[in-house]
Every structure is written in C-alpha cells, then in structure tokens.
Amino acid sequence: MTEHSSDPIIEAKTTKRIVIDPVTRVEGHGKVTILLDEEGKVRRVRLHIVEFRGFERFIRGRFYWEVPVLVQRLCGICPV
C-alpha cells in the first residue's frame, strides 16, 4: 500500500481524524494523522515526512548494527 492510498475498510470505520501539523523537533516538514473509530479507539496512525534524503541507497545491504554509525551525523540537527 502506498502512502497516498487509503484502506476503505479503515476509512469507513473512521469517525474522527486528528492531524498534528506541523510536527516539531524533526528535520524538515512533518505531520501526524490519527484515525479514530466509533469507540474512540485508534485505528491508524501515520507519520508523514515528505523530504527525500536518499540515504537508504547507501545503507542497503549493510548489517543493522552498522546503520546508526553511518547515519548518525548526516543532518547535524540531532546531538551525538
């Protein structure tokens, strides 16, 4: 399922949508969308970050424990 597609079953059961926009403390622009059902229970939560950084390509095929070392200082916003 792509980011822009919707699940008709979840959408049909949704009675309330909560959007937090903008999300702070992230690099770039982001928002959170929360879908609630009739009982007020959370049906789906999505974090939307629209910037493409492309770092996924150079960490593909690496071991999971190598990834934090490779990407920890890429943007310079987060403290090390």
C-alpha atoms as a PDB file:
ATOM      1  CA  MET A   1       0.000   0.000   0.000  1.00  0.00           C
ATOM      2  CA  THR A   2       1.441   3.368  -0.911  1.00  0.00           C
ATOM      3  CA  GLU A   3       1.480   6.406   1.336  1.00  0.00           C
ATOM      4  CA  HIS A   4      -1.248   8.144  -0.660  1.00  0.00           C
ATOM      5  CA  SER A   5      -3.635   5.205  -0.915  1.00  0.00           C
ATOM      6  CA  SER A   6      -6.279   4.592   1.710  1.00  0.00           C
ATOM      7  CA  ASP A   7      -7.780   1.450   3.129  1.00  0.00           C
ATOM      8  CA  PRO A   8     -11.555   1.640   2.500  1.00  0.00           C
ATOM      9  CA  ILE A   9     -12.337  -0.620   5.474  1.00  0.00           C
ATOM     10  CA  ILE A  10     -10.430   1.590   7.902  1.00  0.00           C
ATOM     11  CA  GLU A  11     -11.744   4.785   6.283  1.00  0.00           C
ATOM     12  CA  ALA A  12     -15.356   3.532   6.565  1.00  0.00           C
ATOM     13  CA  LYS A  13     -14.954   2.824  10.299  1.00  0.00           C
ATOM     14  CA  THR A  14     -13.279   6.167  10.976  1.00  0.00           C
ATOM     15  CA  THR A  15     -15.374   8.797  12.686  1.00  0.00           C
ATOM     16  CA  LYS A  16     -12.661  11.237  13.696  1.00  0.00           C
ATOM     17  CA  ARG A  17      -9.394  12.370  12.152  1.00  0.00           C
ATOM     18  CA  ILE A  18      -6.797  14.207  14.240  1.00  0.00           C
ATOM     19  CA  VAL A  19      -3.960  15.952  12.410  1.00  0.00           C
ATOM     20  CA  ILE A  20      -0.917  17.389  14.162  1.00  0.00           C
ATOM     21  CA  ASP A  21       0.724  19.705  11.671  1.00  0.00           C
ATOM     22  CA  PRO A  22       3.495  20.692  11.886  1.00  0.00           C
ATOM     23  CA  VAL A  23       5.459  18.203  13.959  1.00  0.00           C
ATOM     24  CA  THR A  24       8.384  19.921  15.638  1.00  0.00           C
ATOM     25  CA  ARG A  25      11.774  18.512  16.529  1.00  0.00           C
ATOM     26  CA  VAL A  26      12.223  16.829  13.155  1.00  0.00           C
ATOM     27  CA  GLU A  27      14.422  17.817  10.229  1.00  0.00           C
ATOM     28  CA  GLY A  28      12.216  19.255   7.501  1.00  0.00           C
ATOM     29  CA  HIS A  29       8.429  19.201   7.447  1.00  0.00           C
ATOM     30  CA  GLY A  30       6.240  16.561   9.058  1.00  0.00           C
ATOM     31  CA  LYS A  31       2.772  15.839  10.349  1.00  0.00           C
ATOM     32  CA  VAL A  32       0.927  13.080  12.210  1.00  0.00           C
ATOM     33  CA  THR A  33      -2.505  11.804  11.168  1.00  0.00           C
ATOM     34  CA  ILE A  34      -4.551   9.786  13.687  1.00  0.00           C
ATOM     35  CA  LEU A  35      -7.763   7.990  12.669  1.00  0.00           C
ATOM     36  CA  LEU A  36     -10.228   7.045  15.431  1.00  0.00           C
ATOM     37  CA  ASP A  37     -13.175   4.640  15.184  1.00  0.00           C
ATOM     38  CA  GLU A  38     -16.685   4.948  16.650  1.00  0.00           C
ATOM     39  CA  GLU A  39     -15.497   3.951  20.141  1.00  0.00           C
ATOM     40  CA  GLY A  40     -12.648   6.453  20.070  1.00  0.00           C
ATOM     41  CA  LYS A  41     -10.007   3.754  19.625  1.00  0.00           C
ATOM     42  CA  VAL A  42      -7.049   4.451  17.391  1.00  0.00           C
ATOM     43  CA  ARG A  43      -7.411   2.684  14.038  1.00  0.00           C
ATOM     44  CA  ARG A  44      -4.346   4.079  12.267  1.00  0.00           C
ATOM     45  CA  VAL A  45      -1.519   6.497  12.972  1.00  0.00           C
ATOM     46  CA  ARG A  46       0.728   7.828  10.245  1.00  0.00           C
ATOM     47  CA  LEU A  47       3.843   9.968  10.434  1.00  0.00           C
ATOM     48  CA  HIS A  48       4.288  11.935   7.215  1.00  0.00           C
ATOM     49  CA  ILE A  49       7.782  13.192   6.412  1.00  0.00           C
ATOM     50  CA  VAL A  50       7.919  14.496   2.862  1.00  0.00           C
ATOM     51  CA  GLU A  51      11.624  15.134   2.358  1.00  0.00           C
ATOM     52  CA  PHE A  52      13.566  12.542   0.411  1.00  0.00           C
ATOM     53  CA  ARG A  53      17.121  12.348   1.650  1.00  0.00           C
ATOM     54  CA  GLY A  54      18.274   9.273  -0.301  1.00  0.00           C
ATOM     55  CA  PHE A  55      20.344   7.761   2.490  1.00  0.00           C
ATOM     56  CA  GLU A  56      18.549   4.465   2.151  1.00  0.00           C
ATOM     57  CA  ARG A  57      20.511   3.647  -1.009  1.00  0.00           C
ATOM     58  CA  PHE A  58      23.952   3.667   0.567  1.00  0.00           C
ATOM     59  CA  ILE A  59      22.938   1.639   3.639  1.00  0.00           C
ATOM     60  CA  ARG A  60      21.188  -1.075   1.621  1.00  0.00           C
ATOM     61  CA  GLY A  61      22.877  -4.418   2.197  1.00  0.00           C
ATOM     62  CA  ARG A  62      24.607  -3.298   5.406  1.00  0.00           C
ATOM     63  CA  PHE A  63      24.196  -5.036   8.733  1.00  0.00           C
ATOM     64  CA  TYR A  64      21.626  -3.391  11.025  1.00  0.00           C
ATOM     65  CA  TRP A  65      24.247  -2.569  13.649  1.00  0.00           C
ATOM     66  CA  GLU A  66      26.261  -0.550  11.103  1.00  0.00           C
ATOM     67  CA  VAL A  67      23.393   1.801  10.216  1.00  0.00           C
ATOM     68  CA  PRO A  68      23.463   4.058  13.332  1.00  0.00           C
ATOM     69  CA  VAL A  69      27.190   4.638  12.884  1.00  0.00           C
ATOM     70  CA  LEU A  70      26.736   5.501   9.196  1.00  0.00           C
ATOM     71  CA  VAL A  71      23.777   7.878   9.525  1.00  0.00           C
ATOM     72  CA  GLN A  72      24.143   9.447  12.982  1.00  0.00           C
ATOM     73  CA  ARG A  73      25.790  12.676  11.781  1.00  0.00           C
ATOM     74  CA  LEU A  74      24.197  13.201   8.374  1.00  0.00           C
ATOM     75  CA  CYS A  75      21.999  16.201   9.095  1.00  0.00           C
ATOM     76  CA  GLY A  76      23.744  17.767  12.081  1.00  0.00           C
ATOM     77  CA  ILE A  77      20.484  18.557  13.911  1.00  0.00           C
ATOM     78  CA  CYS A  78      20.451  15.640  16.359  1.00  0.00           C
ATOM     79  CA  PRO A  79      23.136  15.592  19.050  1.00  0.00           C
ATOM     80  CA  VAL A  80      25.544  12.700  19.007  1.00  0.00           C
END
